[in-house]
Each structure stands twice: as structure tokens, then as C-alpha cells.
Amino acid sequence: MLPVLPLDVLEEMLLNVPPLQVVCVCRLVCREWKEVVDSDSLWRERCRREGYQTCDATKLPKDWRLFYFLCKKRRNLLKNPRADDKFKGWQIMENGGDKWKIEPVEEVPHPDNTVQKYFATSYSTCRKSQLIDLEKEGYRPSFMDDFQPDIIISDWYAPRWDCGSEYEICVELLNHKKKPIKKFSPDTVVFQQWNDQKWNQMTHVFKNYGPGVRYIRFIHGGNDTQFWAGWYGIRVTNSSVEICPSVDRDFGVPIYSPKRLYLNILPTCTL
């Protein structure tokens, strides 16, 4: 029979065990261990130690365990967003004018100084896309349907100063047949000639989008407005699509039991 440990000692011990082992093994030891594993305090402290925090300190997660695992899994689902590997990962939809080109960031530095390249458009429409398979990325259908975590979109774009240009973006949440459920498609952004050519960020957050989301299609591009030979059109780089925890929605009890959550995490960290 296991010795009875003070709860604070047990919690400290569990904080030093890999998270999947905590939920797969430690939770099954006995009732006392299960209660500690299921407690908010364990996962809140784990978030603190690993640096996971909310953007707004006044809003705390309804479920610290879920918040922890979503933060741990958070990453950019787009491949090659900064043109570091030429066009790998992208599907060229339209290649107008002198076609897409990759150029170095030189005249106007990107706000993130680790971004060193961008995709440049030409004098006729250039568009490219990626299709994200959420299940292949580790987000199971049951998880997406029950929790509907926030999906955060970001894209950076900049014009040339000496030529007018246009920027467009369209992001769709698709069902299993790849039919749109929700869409973000803002008006085309138009830049006039002799602008300040600074980098701009386009962002959007999909919330409460309903069940059935299985894929995300990301499309962006543009062109110049003066039909100049070469690459005087819009420039794009550092695009991202991330699955993130939401702290401003109460999922209710019991939408998702701890046991079911763990089954969706294991055995490959698939949520």
C-alpha cells in the first residue's frame, strides 16, 4: 500500500513528472492522486512554471488543464511561412505577370527581425494557398466539435513605395467534404504610389464557429496596380494559423469529461 503523502508534496512531485505520464499513469494510482491530477491548482502551477499565461491578466481560464495542453500544443500550422524554403508547402493558384518571386527583406525591416525573406507579387494577380488537415496536425474531430478552440489568423504584407499595389486574403474553415463553414475575406487593401511602404499585419480570430471543422484553407496574394514589369506588387511573409485556448468562454460542465480529454490527448498528443 502506498504511503499517504501530504497534498502539497504530492502536487510538487507530479509537477516534475511529464504531463502525459501524469494523466496516463499517475491519475490511475488511487483516488487521492486522481483528485490532485484533476485539480486546477496543479495545472495552474504547471502553466506558471512553463510560462503559459493569458494575454489579459484579468481573464483566467475556466479549465486550466485544457488551457495547459492547448498552450503546449500551440504552433504555426502553416508550412514555410517566411519563404525560407522557396515555395515548399504552398500551392500556386495564380502566377500572373512575371510570376511570384522570393526576395530578401532589405529596405524596410520587418518588425520581427528574424524574418529575412518575403514572397513578392507581380503586375498581374498572384495567389497561393495552403490546406491544413486538422486531424493530421493532431486535432481530432471530437475535440474540434466539442471545444471549438479559437483559430487565430495572422499575415504580414507591405507595398513598394514607388508603385501602387493590392493585397487580398481569404481564410476558410472547411468541413470533411472541404466545403466552407466559416470564411474570413476582408475587402482588398489598396496602396497608392509613393506610400511609406511599412509592414502591416492582418489578423482575425475565428470563435464559436460550430461543429464540423476539419480543414483550414489559407489563401493570400495580390498584384501591383500600374502594370509594371517585374515585382512591384504586394509582398507577403510571416503568415500564421494557430489553434489557441479561449479564456473568455465557459464550456459548461460536463461538456468534456477528464477521461475523454485524456483519450484525445493519447497516445500521440492528438487532441
Protein backbone atom coordinates (compact mmCIF):
# COMPACT_ATOMS: atom_id res chain seq x y z
CA MET A 1 0.00 0.00 0.00
CA LEU A 2 1.32 3.43 -0.92
CA PRO A 3 2.17 5.83 1.92
CA VAL A 4 -0.16 8.80 2.26
CA LEU A 5 1.63 11.95 1.12
CA PRO A 6 0.66 15.50 2.07
CA LEU A 7 -1.19 17.06 -0.86
CA ASP A 8 1.38 19.79 -1.38
CA VAL A 9 4.16 17.20 -1.51
CA LEU A 10 2.18 15.05 -3.95
CA GLU A 11 1.46 18.05 -6.16
CA GLU A 12 5.12 19.05 -6.22
CA MET A 13 6.06 15.52 -7.20
CA LEU A 14 3.51 15.48 -10.03
CA LEU A 15 4.77 18.84 -11.28
CA ASN A 16 8.07 17.14 -12.02
CA VAL A 17 6.53 14.26 -13.97
CA PRO A 18 5.95 14.56 -17.77
CA PRO A 19 2.35 15.74 -18.36
CA LEU A 20 1.25 12.71 -20.39
CA GLN A 21 2.56 10.38 -17.71
CA VAL A 22 0.62 12.39 -15.14
CA VAL A 23 -2.68 11.82 -16.96
CA CYS A 24 -1.95 8.30 -18.24
CA VAL A 25 -0.36 6.70 -15.21
CA CYS A 26 -0.41 8.84 -12.07
CA ARG A 27 -4.12 9.60 -12.31
CA LEU A 28 -4.90 5.88 -12.12
CA VAL A 29 -2.92 5.16 -8.94
CA CYS A 30 -5.66 5.95 -6.40
CA ARG A 31 -8.50 8.34 -5.63
CA GLU A 32 -6.25 10.88 -3.89
CA TRP A 33 -3.85 11.03 -6.82
CA LYS A 34 -6.74 11.36 -9.27
CA GLU A 35 -8.11 14.33 -7.35
CA VAL A 36 -4.76 16.10 -7.44
CA VAL A 37 -4.30 15.39 -11.16
CA ASP A 38 -7.79 16.76 -11.84
CA SER A 39 -7.29 19.85 -9.69
CA ASP A 40 -6.98 23.35 -11.12
CA SER A 41 -4.09 24.14 -8.80
CA LEU A 42 -1.80 21.52 -10.37
CA TRP A 43 -2.30 22.78 -13.92
CA ARG A 44 -2.33 26.44 -12.94
CA GLU A 45 1.09 25.99 -11.31
CA ARG A 46 2.30 23.99 -14.31
CA CYS A 47 1.26 26.87 -16.58
CA ARG A 48 3.09 29.34 -14.35
CA ARG A 49 6.32 27.33 -14.33
CA GLU A 50 6.31 26.80 -18.08
CA GLY A 51 5.42 30.40 -18.90
CA TYR A 52 1.90 29.86 -20.27
CA GLN A 53 -0.25 32.87 -19.45
CA THR A 54 -3.28 34.68 -20.77
CA CYS A 55 -2.88 37.85 -22.81
CA ASP A 56 -5.35 39.57 -20.49
CA ALA A 57 -4.43 39.07 -16.83
CA THR A 58 -7.99 39.89 -15.78
CA LYS A 59 -9.36 36.85 -17.64
CA LEU A 60 -8.48 33.46 -16.20
CA PRO A 61 -9.05 30.10 -17.91
CA LYS A 62 -12.20 28.18 -16.99
CA ASP A 63 -10.23 24.94 -17.33
CA TRP A 64 -6.52 25.17 -16.51
CA ARG A 65 -5.84 21.62 -17.70
CA LEU A 66 -7.26 22.32 -21.15
CA PHE A 67 -5.50 25.69 -21.26
CA TYR A 68 -2.18 23.98 -20.47
CA PHE A 69 -2.42 21.34 -23.18
CA LEU A 70 -3.59 23.80 -25.84
CA CYS A 71 -0.73 26.15 -24.98
CA LYS A 72 1.76 23.30 -25.08
CA LYS A 73 0.49 22.20 -28.48
CA ARG A 74 0.21 25.72 -29.93
CA ARG A 75 2.30 26.29 -33.06
CA ASN A 76 2.05 27.71 -36.56
CA LEU A 77 0.18 25.20 -38.73
CA LEU A 78 1.37 26.82 -41.97
CA LYS A 79 4.50 25.41 -43.56
CA ASN A 80 7.31 27.65 -44.79
CA PRO A 81 5.55 30.95 -43.94
CA ARG A 82 8.67 33.11 -44.36
CA ALA A 83 9.91 31.87 -47.76
CA ASP A 84 12.94 30.24 -46.15
CA ASP A 85 12.43 27.10 -48.25
CA LYS A 86 11.41 28.70 -51.55
CA PHE A 87 7.76 27.75 -52.29
CA LYS A 88 7.74 24.43 -50.44
CA GLY A 89 4.37 23.78 -48.79
CA TRP A 90 2.50 26.31 -50.94
CA GLN A 91 0.17 25.70 -53.86
CA ILE A 92 0.47 28.39 -56.53
CA MET A 93 -3.09 29.25 -57.60
CA GLU A 94 -2.32 32.21 -59.86
CA ASN A 95 1.11 33.18 -61.15
CA GLY A 96 0.43 36.31 -63.16
CA GLY A 97 2.79 38.88 -64.62
CA ASP A 98 6.40 37.86 -64.08
CA LYS A 99 5.19 35.29 -61.50
CA TRP A 100 5.87 35.00 -57.79
CA LYS A 101 9.39 35.74 -56.62
CA ILE A 102 11.24 35.40 -53.31
CA GLU A 103 13.23 38.47 -52.24
CA PRO A 104 15.28 39.40 -49.16
CA VAL A 105 13.98 41.87 -46.59
CA GLU A 106 16.27 44.87 -47.05
CA GLU A 107 14.89 48.42 -47.39
CA VAL A 108 12.23 48.23 -44.68
CA PRO A 109 12.99 45.72 -41.89
CA HIS A 110 10.17 43.52 -40.69
CA PRO A 111 9.05 44.17 -37.07
CA ASP A 112 10.31 40.66 -36.32
CA ASN A 113 13.99 40.88 -37.21
CA THR A 114 14.19 37.10 -37.65
CA VAL A 115 12.09 37.46 -40.83
CA GLN A 116 14.62 37.71 -43.64
CA LYS A 117 12.62 36.92 -46.80
CA TYR A 118 9.21 37.57 -48.36
CA PHE A 119 7.09 36.49 -51.33
CA ALA A 120 6.78 39.26 -53.95
CA THR A 121 3.91 39.60 -56.45
CA SER A 122 4.00 40.99 -59.97
CA TYR A 123 1.83 43.08 -62.34
CA SER A 124 -1.00 40.55 -62.63
CA THR A 125 -2.70 38.59 -59.88
CA CYS A 126 -0.51 36.23 -57.86
CA ARG A 127 -2.21 33.98 -55.30
CA LYS A 128 -1.02 30.99 -53.30
CA SER A 129 -2.62 28.74 -50.71
CA GLN A 130 -2.21 26.01 -48.13
CA LEU A 131 -4.72 23.43 -46.94
CA ILE A 132 -4.36 22.40 -43.28
CA ASP A 133 -5.69 18.98 -42.29
CA LEU A 134 -6.51 19.44 -38.60
CA GLU A 135 -6.62 15.74 -37.75
CA LYS A 136 -3.19 15.20 -39.30
CA GLU A 137 -1.95 18.10 -37.21
CA GLY A 138 -3.20 16.37 -34.06
CA TYR A 139 -6.66 17.90 -33.50
CA ARG A 140 -9.26 15.15 -33.54
CA PRO A 141 -12.79 15.78 -34.88
CA SER A 142 -14.41 15.19 -31.48
CA PHE A 143 -12.10 17.74 -29.88
CA MET A 144 -12.77 20.39 -32.52
CA ASP A 145 -16.52 19.81 -32.32
CA ASP A 146 -16.82 19.86 -28.53
CA PHE A 147 -14.36 22.63 -27.67
CA GLN A 148 -14.17 24.79 -30.79
CA PRO A 149 -10.89 26.40 -29.69
CA ASP A 150 -10.03 29.80 -31.10
CA ILE A 151 -8.33 29.78 -34.50
CA ILE A 152 -6.05 32.79 -34.88
CA ILE A 153 -5.00 34.04 -38.32
CA SER A 154 -2.13 36.45 -38.94
CA ASP A 155 -0.48 37.70 -42.13
CA TRP A 156 2.10 40.41 -42.81
CA TYR A 157 2.09 42.45 -46.02
CA ALA A 158 3.83 45.53 -47.38
CA PRO A 159 3.76 47.58 -50.61
CA ARG A 160 6.67 49.08 -52.51
CA TRP A 161 6.92 52.82 -52.02
CA ASP A 162 7.24 53.63 -55.73
CA CYS A 163 4.28 51.63 -57.09
CA GLY A 164 0.65 51.13 -56.13
CA SER A 165 -0.42 47.62 -55.13
CA GLU A 166 -3.27 45.47 -53.83
CA TYR A 167 -3.36 42.84 -51.08
CA GLU A 168 -6.02 40.18 -50.54
CA ILE A 169 -6.55 37.33 -48.10
CA CYS A 170 -9.20 34.64 -47.68
CA VAL A 171 -9.25 32.02 -44.92
CA GLU A 172 -11.94 29.33 -44.82
CA LEU A 173 -12.89 26.76 -42.20
CA LEU A 174 -13.96 23.64 -44.11
CA ASN A 175 -15.95 20.50 -43.28
CA HIS A 176 -14.96 16.91 -44.12
CA LYS A 177 -16.05 17.47 -47.74
CA LYS A 178 -13.93 20.62 -47.86
CA LYS A 179 -16.98 22.84 -48.06
CA PRO A 180 -16.83 26.21 -46.24
CA ILE A 181 -18.38 26.53 -42.78
CA LYS A 182 -16.95 29.97 -41.97
CA LYS A 183 -14.95 32.44 -44.03
CA PHE A 184 -12.76 35.47 -43.39
CA SER A 185 -12.45 37.50 -46.59
CA PRO A 186 -11.98 41.24 -45.96
CA ASP A 187 -12.03 43.87 -48.68
CA THR A 188 -8.95 44.16 -50.85
CA VAL A 189 -6.38 46.52 -49.33
CA VAL A 190 -5.20 49.11 -51.86
CA PHE A 191 -1.97 51.10 -51.56
CA GLN A 192 -1.29 54.21 -53.61
CA GLN A 193 2.04 55.04 -55.23
CA TRP A 194 4.53 56.95 -53.01
CA ASN A 195 3.43 55.35 -49.76
CA ASP A 196 5.51 54.71 -46.63
CA GLN A 197 5.95 51.01 -47.62
CA LYS A 198 5.75 49.89 -43.98
CA TRP A 199 4.79 46.35 -42.93
CA ASN A 200 1.15 45.83 -41.94
CA GLN A 201 -0.46 42.94 -40.07
CA MET A 202 -3.83 41.39 -40.92
CA THR A 203 -5.38 39.40 -38.07
CA HIS A 204 -8.61 37.54 -37.41
CA VAL A 205 -9.90 35.18 -34.72
CA PHE A 206 -12.49 32.50 -35.51
CA LYS A 207 -14.70 31.86 -32.45
CA ASN A 208 -17.84 29.79 -31.84
CA TYR A 209 -17.74 28.51 -35.41
CA GLY A 210 -19.82 25.40 -34.75
CA PRO A 211 -19.08 21.69 -35.20
CA GLY A 212 -17.68 20.08 -38.31
CA VAL A 213 -14.43 21.97 -38.94
CA ARG A 214 -11.85 19.54 -40.34
CA TYR A 215 -9.66 21.69 -42.61
CA ILE A 216 -8.44 25.27 -42.86
CA ARG A 217 -7.71 26.82 -46.26
CA PHE A 218 -5.41 29.84 -46.25
CA ILE A 219 -5.17 31.97 -49.43
CA HIS A 220 -3.38 35.28 -49.97
CA GLY A 221 -1.71 37.33 -52.66
CA GLY A 222 -2.12 40.44 -54.76
CA ASN A 223 -0.50 42.46 -57.55
CA ASP A 224 0.70 45.93 -58.49
CA THR A 225 -1.80 48.47 -59.84
CA GLN A 226 0.36 50.06 -62.55
CA PHE A 227 1.18 47.03 -64.68
CA TRP A 228 4.93 47.42 -64.37
CA ALA A 229 7.18 44.57 -65.49
CA GLY A 230 8.99 42.97 -62.58
CA TRP A 231 7.95 42.58 -58.95
CA TYR A 232 6.35 45.82 -57.86
CA GLY A 233 3.27 44.24 -56.29
CA ILE A 234 2.41 43.45 -52.69
CA ARG A 235 4.86 41.50 -50.53
CA VAL A 236 3.73 38.88 -48.01
CA THR A 237 5.52 36.90 -45.30
CA ASN A 238 5.36 35.51 -41.75
CA SER A 239 1.82 34.15 -42.16
CA SER A 240 0.38 32.00 -39.37
CA VAL A 241 -2.60 29.87 -38.39
CA GLU A 242 -2.74 28.76 -34.75
CA ILE A 243 -5.15 26.79 -32.57
CA CYS A 244 -5.34 28.60 -29.24
CA PRO A 245 -7.14 28.32 -25.91
CA SER A 246 -10.00 30.71 -25.27
CA VAL A 247 -10.29 32.13 -21.77
CA ASP A 248 -13.45 34.18 -22.30
CA ARG A 249 -15.86 31.30 -22.92
CA ASP A 250 -17.33 28.92 -20.37
CA PHE A 251 -17.67 25.47 -21.92
CA GLY A 252 -20.04 24.33 -19.21
CA VAL A 253 -19.99 21.14 -17.15
CA PRO A 254 -19.67 18.42 -18.19
CA ILE A 255 -19.16 19.11 -21.92
CA TYR A 256 -15.91 17.15 -21.87
CA SER A 257 -15.02 14.74 -19.09
CA PRO A 258 -11.37 14.47 -17.97
CA LYS A 259 -11.31 10.87 -19.13
CA ARG A 260 -12.45 11.84 -22.62
CA LEU A 261 -9.97 14.71 -22.77
CA TYR A 262 -7.13 12.35 -21.93
CA LEU A 263 -8.26 9.84 -24.54
CA ASN A 264 -8.00 12.60 -27.12
CA ILE A 265 -4.51 13.53 -25.96
CA LEU A 266 -3.18 9.97 -26.08
CA PRO A 267 -1.26 8.16 -27.34
CA THR A 268 0.22 10.69 -29.77
CA CYS A 269 -0.73 14.00 -28.15
CA THR A 270 -3.64 14.22 -30.59
CA LEU A 271 -6.33 16.40 -29.05
